[in-house]
Protein backbone atom coordinates (compact mmCIF):
# COMPACT_ATOMS: atom_id res chain seq x y z
CA ILE A 1 10.96 6.86 13.64
CA ASP A 2 12.86 4.73 15.49
CA ILE A 3 12.24 0.93 15.06
CA ILE A 4 13.59 -0.68 18.54
CA TRP A 5 13.38 -4.98 18.85
CA HIS A 6 15.31 -7.46 20.56
CA PHE A 7 18.59 -9.03 18.78
CA GLU A 8 17.18 -12.71 18.92
CA PHE A 9 13.77 -11.37 17.37
CA GLU A 10 14.01 -13.01 13.80
CA LYS A 11 11.11 -11.31 12.42
CA GLY A 12 11.94 -8.04 13.85
CA LYS A 13 14.29 -7.03 11.12
CA LYS A 14 11.95 -8.00 8.42
CA ILE A 15 9.36 -5.47 9.86
CA ALA A 16 11.60 -2.83 10.29
CA GLU A 17 12.84 -3.25 6.72
CA ASP A 18 9.28 -3.47 5.53
CA LEU A 19 8.80 -0.26 7.55
CA PHE A 20 11.67 1.64 6.04
CA LYS A 21 10.33 1.16 2.83
CA LEU A 22 6.64 1.84 3.55
CA LEU A 23 7.45 5.31 5.74
CA ASP A 24 10.84 6.27 4.16
CA ARG A 25 11.58 5.27 0.71
CA ASP A 26 11.70 1.64 -1.20
CA PRO A 27 15.30 1.48 -2.95
CA ASP A 28 14.10 -0.88 -5.34
CA GLU A 29 11.01 1.74 -6.56
CA ILE A 30 13.25 4.83 -7.97
CA ASN A 31 10.10 6.28 -9.44
CA GLN A 32 8.16 5.72 -6.16
CA HIS A 33 6.60 8.89 -4.50
CA GLU A 34 8.39 8.40 -1.30
CA ILE A 35 7.09 9.65 1.85
CA GLY A 36 10.74 10.54 3.24
CA ILE A 37 10.15 10.08 6.98
CA PRO A 38 13.79 9.13 8.40
CA VAL A 39 13.79 5.84 9.85
CA LYS A 40 16.57 4.36 12.07
CA PHE A 41 17.01 0.57 13.23
CA ASN A 42 18.00 1.56 17.02
CA GLN A 43 18.16 -1.81 18.57
CA ARG A 44 21.37 -0.32 20.07
CA LEU A 45 19.32 2.19 21.75
CA GLU A 46 21.06 4.90 20.88
CA LYS A 47 20.58 8.39 22.26
CA ILE A 48 17.86 10.27 19.61
CA LYS A 49 19.58 13.65 18.81
CA SER A 50 17.00 16.88 20.01
CA ASN A 51 17.95 18.86 17.24
CA TYR A 52 17.21 16.21 14.35
CA SER A 53 13.36 16.42 14.05
CA GLU A 54 10.61 18.15 15.85
CA LYS A 55 9.22 14.94 17.08
CA THR A 56 10.19 11.12 16.90
CA GLY A 57 8.07 7.89 16.70
CA ILE A 58 9.47 5.30 18.59
CA ILE A 59 8.18 1.85 17.48
CA ILE A 60 8.81 -1.12 20.04
CA LEU A 61 8.27 -4.59 18.86
CA ILE A 62 7.66 -6.53 21.93
CA ASP A 63 8.56 -10.71 21.55
CA GLN A 64 9.11 -13.51 23.78
CA ASN A 65 13.35 -12.81 23.78
CA PHE A 66 12.19 -9.08 24.52
CA ALA A 67 10.38 -10.47 27.49
CA CYS A 68 12.74 -12.91 28.88
CA ASP A 69 15.65 -10.33 29.01
CA ASP A 70 15.13 -8.16 32.08
CA GLU A 71 18.39 -6.34 31.48
CA TYR A 72 17.21 -5.25 28.20
CA GLN A 73 14.13 -4.19 29.35
CA LYS A 74 16.28 -2.16 32.26
CA LYS A 75 18.32 -0.40 29.33
CA LEU A 76 15.33 0.25 27.04
CA GLU A 77 13.48 2.03 30.55
CA LYS A 78 16.23 4.00 30.83
CA PHE A 79 16.40 5.09 27.13
CA LEU A 80 12.77 5.88 26.88
CA LEU A 81 12.88 8.02 30.14
CA GLU A 82 15.89 9.87 28.32
CA ASN A 83 14.40 10.60 25.03
CA GLY A 84 10.71 10.24 25.58
CA LYS A 85 9.97 14.06 26.35
CA ASP A 86 9.52 15.08 22.45
CA SER A 87 8.79 11.46 21.14
CA PHE A 88 5.44 9.28 20.59
CA LEU A 89 5.58 5.50 21.50
CA ILE A 90 4.00 2.84 19.31
CA PRO A 91 4.32 -0.29 21.49
CA ILE A 92 3.66 -3.62 19.54
CA SER A 93 3.03 -6.79 21.19
CA PHE A 94 3.47 -10.36 19.80
CA ILE A 95 3.12 -11.73 23.27
CA SER A 96 -0.24 -12.73 24.86
CA ASN A 97 0.65 -11.35 28.28
CA MET A 98 1.66 -7.73 28.84
CA GLY A 99 2.16 -8.11 32.29
CA VAL A 100 5.45 -9.71 32.24
CA ILE A 101 6.92 -6.21 30.88
CA GLU A 102 7.84 -3.72 33.39
CA ILE A 103 8.99 -0.70 31.49
CA GLU A 104 7.25 2.37 33.21
CA PRO A 105 6.55 4.65 30.08
CA LEU A 106 4.93 1.93 28.64
CA LYS A 107 2.35 1.21 31.00
CA LYS A 108 0.72 4.62 30.04
CA VAL A 109 0.54 4.11 26.71
CA ASN A 110 -2.18 1.71 24.39
CA VAL A 111 -0.19 -1.42 23.44
CA PHE A 112 -1.53 -3.02 20.42
CA ASN A 113 -1.74 -6.80 20.57
CA ILE A 114 -1.55 -8.27 17.09
CA GLN A 115 -2.10 -11.89 19.15
CA ASN A 116 -5.73 -10.61 20.71
CA TYR A 117 -6.96 -8.70 17.39
CA PHE A 118 -10.13 -10.11 15.67
CA LEU A 119 -8.27 -11.90 13.20
CA GLU A 120 -10.60 -15.04 12.14
CA GLU A 121 -13.34 -12.59 12.40
CA LEU A 122 -11.91 -10.27 10.07
CA CYS A 123 -9.92 -13.56 7.79
CA GLU A 124 -13.72 -14.67 7.53
CA LYS A 125 -15.34 -11.71 6.37
CA ILE A 126 -12.74 -11.39 3.49
CA LYS A 127 -12.88 -14.66 2.51
CA VAL A 128 -9.54 -15.61 3.62
CA THR A 129 -8.56 -19.60 4.28
CA SER A 130 -5.12 -20.51 3.97
CA ASN A 131 -2.09 -20.08 5.98
CA ASN A 132 -0.17 -17.85 4.14
CA GLU A 133 -3.13 -15.42 3.32
CA LYS A 134 -3.95 -14.96 7.01
CA GLU A 135 -0.42 -14.08 8.38
CA GLU A 136 -0.41 -11.31 5.51
CA VAL A 137 -3.59 -10.14 6.90
CA LYS A 138 -1.89 -10.02 10.46
CA GLU A 139 0.83 -8.03 8.53
CA ILE A 140 -1.66 -5.81 7.19
CA LEU A 141 -3.27 -5.14 10.62
CA LEU A 142 0.01 -4.43 12.08
CA TYR A 143 1.10 -2.07 9.46
CA ASN A 144 -2.37 -0.14 9.43
CA ASN A 145 -2.09 0.05 12.88
CA ILE A 146 1.53 2.09 13.22
CA LEU A 147 0.37 4.12 10.14
CA GLU A 148 -2.53 5.27 12.13
CA LYS A 149 -0.81 6.36 15.10
CA ILE A 150 1.48 8.09 12.74
CA LEU A 151 -1.20 9.92 10.97
CA LYS A 152 -2.81 10.77 14.34
CA GLU A 153 0.49 12.54 15.66
CA LEU A 154 0.92 13.97 12.44
CA TYR A 155 -2.93 15.46 12.12
CA GLY A 156 -3.31 16.63 15.79
CA LYS A 157 -4.67 14.31 18.56
CA ASP A 158 -7.75 15.80 18.21
CA LYS A 159 -8.14 15.09 14.49
CA LYS A 160 -8.07 11.90 12.36
CA ILE A 161 -8.40 11.48 8.47
CA ARG A 162 -12.02 11.29 7.58
CA LEU A 163 -12.49 9.36 4.52
CA PHE A 164 -15.20 10.32 1.69
CA LEU A 165 -16.04 7.27 -0.31
CA SER A 166 -17.30 8.36 -3.63
CA HIS A 167 -18.97 5.51 -5.38
CA THR A 168 -22.25 5.43 -7.92
CA LYS A 169 -25.61 3.54 -7.20
CA ARG A 170 -25.79 3.08 -10.97
CA ASP A 171 -24.51 -0.13 -10.49
CA ASP A 172 -24.25 -2.91 -8.04
CA PHE A 173 -21.02 -3.30 -8.47
CA GLY A 174 -19.94 -0.12 -7.14
CA LYS A 175 -22.22 -0.31 -4.43
CA GLU A 176 -21.44 -3.71 -3.25
CA ASN A 177 -17.50 -3.17 -2.76
CA SER A 178 -17.87 0.25 -1.40
CA LYS A 179 -19.95 -0.66 1.06
CA LEU A 180 -17.72 -3.84 1.92
CA LEU A 181 -14.64 -1.07 2.19
CA LYS A 182 -16.59 1.29 4.25
CA ASP A 183 -17.19 -1.80 6.85
CA LEU A 184 -13.75 -2.80 6.74
CA ILE A 185 -12.54 0.10 7.90
CA GLN A 186 -14.95 1.50 10.63
CA VAL A 187 -15.04 -2.21 11.97
CA TYR A 188 -11.07 -2.66 11.99
CA HIS A 189 -9.48 0.74 11.72
CA LYS A 190 -9.88 3.83 13.43
CA VAL A 191 -10.85 6.01 10.75
CA ASP A 192 -13.99 8.55 9.99
CA VAL A 193 -15.92 7.43 7.09
CA PHE A 194 -18.43 9.84 4.95
CA TYR A 195 -20.68 7.19 3.08
CA ASP A 196 -23.90 8.37 1.34
CA ILE A 197 -26.28 4.94 1.75
CA ASN A 198 -29.28 6.97 0.03
CA ASP A 199 -29.95 7.54 -3.32
CA ILE A 200 -29.96 11.30 -3.70
CA GLU A 201 -30.35 13.69 -6.57
CA VAL A 202 -28.04 16.79 -6.49
CA GLY A 203 -29.60 19.74 -4.91
CA ASN A 204 -28.17 22.94 -3.55
CA GLU A 205 -28.54 21.87 0.24
CA ILE A 206 -27.06 18.82 -0.14
CA TRP A 207 -24.55 19.79 -2.47
CA GLY A 208 -23.33 22.52 0.33
CA ASN A 209 -23.04 20.23 3.12
CA ILE A 210 -20.75 17.68 0.52
CA GLU A 211 -18.74 21.17 0.11
CA LYS A 212 -18.25 21.60 3.74
CA GLU A 213 -16.93 17.74 3.95
CA PHE A 214 -14.43 19.03 1.09
CA GLN A 215 -13.75 22.35 3.25
CA LYS A 216 -11.91 20.15 6.02
CA GLU A 217 -8.00 19.65 5.85
CA GLU A 218 -8.93 16.48 7.27
CA SER A 219 -10.81 15.09 4.19
CA PHE A 220 -9.65 12.41 1.94
CA LEU A 221 -11.26 11.47 -1.50
CA VAL A 222 -11.49 7.58 -2.31
CA VAL A 223 -13.08 7.19 -5.51
CA ILE A 224 -14.79 3.86 -6.33
CA ASN A 225 -14.23 4.16 -10.10
CA THR A 226 -16.72 1.90 -11.78
CA ASN A 227 -18.02 1.40 -15.36
CA GLU A 228 -21.01 3.50 -14.32
CA TYR A 229 -19.08 6.19 -12.28
CA SER A 230 -18.22 8.64 -15.17
CA ASN A 231 -21.77 8.46 -16.17
CA SER A 232 -22.69 10.07 -12.79
CA SER A 233 -22.76 13.79 -12.20
CA TRP A 234 -23.01 13.77 -9.06
CA CYS A 235 -19.35 11.43 -8.35
CA ARG A 236 -18.01 14.16 -11.27
CA LYS A 237 -18.77 16.95 -8.71
CA GLU A 238 -17.18 15.20 -6.05
CA VAL A 239 -14.22 14.66 -7.90
CA LEU A 240 -13.91 18.44 -9.00
CA CYS A 241 -14.76 19.62 -5.19
CA ALA A 242 -12.02 17.70 -3.83
CA LYS A 243 -9.32 19.29 -6.36
CA LYS A 244 -10.49 22.53 -6.10
CA TYR A 245 -9.55 21.97 -2.19
CA ARG A 246 -6.56 20.43 -2.78
CA ARG A 247 -7.48 17.43 -0.91
CA PRO A 248 -6.27 14.12 -1.23
CA ILE A 249 -7.57 11.63 -3.72
CA MET A 250 -7.31 8.23 -4.31
CA GLU A 251 -8.83 5.96 -7.26
CA ILE A 252 -9.62 2.14 -6.56
CA ASN A 253 -10.06 1.03 -10.29
CA LEU A 254 -13.15 -1.37 -10.62
CA LEU A 255 -13.32 -1.20 -14.35
CA TYR A 256 -13.65 -3.77 -16.75
CA GLY A 257 -14.88 -4.18 -20.53
CA LYS A 258 -15.35 -1.18 -22.09
CA GLN A 259 -16.57 2.65 -21.05
CA GLN A 260 -17.59 4.89 -23.67
CA ARG A 261 -16.11 7.89 -22.04
CA SER A 262 -13.99 8.22 -19.11
CA PHE A 263 -13.89 11.35 -16.80
CA PRO A 264 -10.84 13.26 -17.83
CA TYR A 265 -10.35 15.10 -14.48
CA LEU A 266 -9.59 11.12 -13.15
CA GLY A 267 -5.92 11.75 -13.66
CA ASN A 268 -3.14 12.97 -11.66
CA MET A 269 -4.03 10.58 -8.47
CA LYS A 270 -2.54 7.54 -7.04
CA ARG A 271 -4.39 4.76 -9.04
CA ILE A 272 -4.88 1.12 -7.27
CA ILE A 273 -6.01 -1.05 -10.23
CA LEU A 274 -8.23 -4.12 -9.08
CA GLY A 275 -10.45 -4.86 -12.23
CA LYS A 276 -13.28 -7.37 -11.60
CA ASP A 277 -12.16 -10.62 -10.75
CA PHE A 278 -10.29 -9.45 -7.65
CA LYS A 279 -9.91 -11.51 -4.11
CA LYS A 280 -11.86 -9.32 -1.26
CA LEU A 281 -8.12 -9.58 0.31
CA ASP A 282 -7.08 -7.20 -1.99
CA LEU A 283 -9.56 -4.51 -1.52
CA TYR A 284 -8.69 -4.82 2.16
CA LYS A 285 -5.14 -4.21 0.96
CA THR A 286 -6.14 -0.63 -0.51
CA ILE A 287 -6.70 0.81 2.75
CA THR A 288 -2.53 0.60 3.45
CA GLU A 289 -2.50 2.43 0.42
CA ILE A 290 -5.12 5.01 1.48
CA TYR A 291 -2.91 5.56 5.12
CA LEU A 292 0.29 6.25 3.01
CA LYS A 293 -1.28 8.64 0.76
CA ALA A 294 -2.85 10.41 3.64
CA LEU A 295 0.69 10.48 5.23
CA ARG A 296 2.60 11.62 2.64
CA VAL A 297 0.42 14.51 1.63
CA LYS A 298 0.28 15.77 5.49
CA TYR A 299 4.13 15.01 5.91
CA LYS A 300 4.73 17.20 2.99
CA GLU A 301 2.63 19.90 3.96
CA LEU A 302 4.65 20.21 6.74
CA LEU A 303 7.98 20.18 5.00
CA MET A 304 6.58 22.73 2.23
CA LYS A 305 5.40 25.51 4.65
CA LYS A 306 8.63 27.01 4.28
CA PHE A 307 7.98 27.83 0.75
CA GLU A 308 4.67 29.64 1.49
CA GLU A 309 5.78 33.10 1.57
CA LYS A 310 7.59 32.44 -2.13
CA GLY A 311 4.71 31.39 -4.21
CA GLN A 312 1.85 29.02 -4.21
CA VAL A 313 2.51 25.50 -2.73
CA LEU A 314 0.95 22.31 -3.63
CA LEU A 315 1.01 18.92 -2.12
CA SER A 316 0.59 17.13 -5.45
CA SER A 317 1.82 17.04 -8.85
CA PRO A 318 0.57 20.42 -10.57
CA GLU A 319 -2.25 20.02 -13.38
CA ILE A 320 -3.90 22.59 -16.06
CA LEU A 321 -7.15 22.01 -14.08
CA ASP A 322 -5.57 23.38 -10.94
CA PHE A 323 -5.74 27.20 -12.57
CA ALA A 324 -9.19 26.88 -13.79
CA LEU A 325 -10.49 25.67 -10.28
CA ASN A 326 -8.02 28.45 -8.76
CA PRO A 327 -7.64 31.34 -11.04
CA ASP A 328 -6.10 33.70 -8.30
CA MET A 329 -3.19 30.82 -8.06
CA LYS A 330 0.24 32.84 -7.66
CA ASN A 331 2.76 32.49 -10.49
CA THR A 332 5.14 30.58 -9.13
CA ILE A 333 4.42 27.25 -7.44
CA TYR A 334 6.45 24.89 -5.39
CA TYR A 335 5.32 21.45 -4.94
CA PRO A 336 7.08 18.16 -3.78
CA ASP A 337 9.42 16.38 -5.72
CA PRO A 338 9.34 14.06 -8.07
CA ILE A 339 9.79 17.01 -10.41
CA LEU A 340 7.48 16.69 -13.35
CA PRO A 341 8.47 15.52 -17.19
CA LYS A 342 10.08 17.99 -19.47
CA GLU A 343 6.89 17.84 -21.84
CA GLU A 344 4.44 18.61 -18.58
CA LYS A 345 6.37 21.40 -17.57
CA GLU A 346 6.12 23.26 -20.93
CA LEU A 347 2.29 23.35 -20.91
CA PHE A 348 2.48 25.19 -17.77
CA GLU A 349 4.59 27.83 -19.27
CA ILE A 350 1.90 28.90 -21.64
CA PHE A 351 0.03 29.83 -18.77
CA GLY A 352 3.12 32.18 -17.62
CA LYS A 353 3.47 29.77 -14.47
CA LYS A 354 6.94 28.69 -13.11
CA LEU A 355 7.14 25.16 -11.35
CA GLU A 356 9.77 23.94 -8.85
CA THR A 357 10.68 21.42 -6.45
CA PRO A 358 12.57 21.72 -3.35
CA LEU A 359 15.17 19.49 -5.38
CA GLU A 360 15.05 22.46 -8.03
CA VAL A 361 15.04 24.90 -5.60
CA ILE A 362 18.31 23.53 -4.24
CA CYS A 363 19.97 23.33 -7.92
CA ASN A 364 18.57 26.72 -9.18
CA GLU A 365 20.25 28.50 -5.97
CA LYS A 366 23.47 26.37 -6.53
CA ILE A 367 23.77 25.60 -2.76
CA LEU A 368 26.02 22.64 -3.71
CA LYS A 369 28.73 25.18 -5.82
CA ASN A 370 32.29 24.22 -5.26
CA LYS A 371 31.00 21.58 -3.09
CA ASN A 372 32.32 18.11 -3.62
CA ALA A 373 30.30 15.12 -4.26
CA MET A 374 31.07 11.58 -2.99
CA PHE A 375 29.67 8.73 -4.30
CA SER A 376 29.43 4.91 -2.61
CA ILE A 377 28.41 2.08 -4.74
CA SER A 378 27.62 -1.20 -3.43
CA GLU A 379 28.60 -4.73 -5.98
CA THR A 380 25.29 -6.27 -4.43
């Protein structure tokens, strides 16, 4: 990903740094399961190396300084014409009138204009009134739009992620918040949502349709975990089915008080803990986390393809349940970094399974043997 903004656009640097943390890695979070997409700040419009990546996304931040600088626009147009063949463009406008921008490649793509978005309507729906929170919502809208466009490129232009909102009808708290999340996604974002609005009992015909949903590679399970969730056999089956077909799963945890027994297989997944007394803005923020999880899984899938001939490829950290749901799993399992802790890996040895991440493969093959390592250490 190349990010381009005018030198005098002060907010441009913060946006670029935020995108680096989201798409590549956050230097301050060493245990983060980062996505790892290389991100370059390319204000100088340096030529994109064609052998560096299969595809390059170019994010262009258009502000008033950009609009008033004809020379910079000409340089950018030349840059895009020379580097746009294997690239996709993500132009973001911070000005009201894009008609002043005379850059030919930008006329062929949709420009997301943050100024013209339904910001006030969205803020009213999630009960946001302060100016600081409104600015936060504007940032979330911006980043979600960028993430949507990158996801579209990774999944293919004819596909997009399809969210399965798993919730129980046994309590109003779960129904109310899952309905709100569904509305926020469908109205303000470009994602398909599977959401059951009827009280249904488990039946073969209905379950067959549910299972077909999880067989689709674009399916993504979002668990709205409330106090009654684990008491629902329907919800428990949805979780197990998603794990059987190795679909991405994320939990939005709305638990409070006590729970007699939690569902044991709701572990080994990304969890956003909101509790009971959360703001609707906090629920809206989970959409960004869903996008990041989907993006990480799809990107890692592309990176892990080279291991498919060597063994079994998983796109998340392995768990013992994987063997019960998929008994024909190969004995050598490759999964994305980071490496599982030693005490977890020892459990898999009982089943005769060997686990490796790409980093471990490099270490085991001694690719770095007789190489020199150089460390650059900052004092700040």
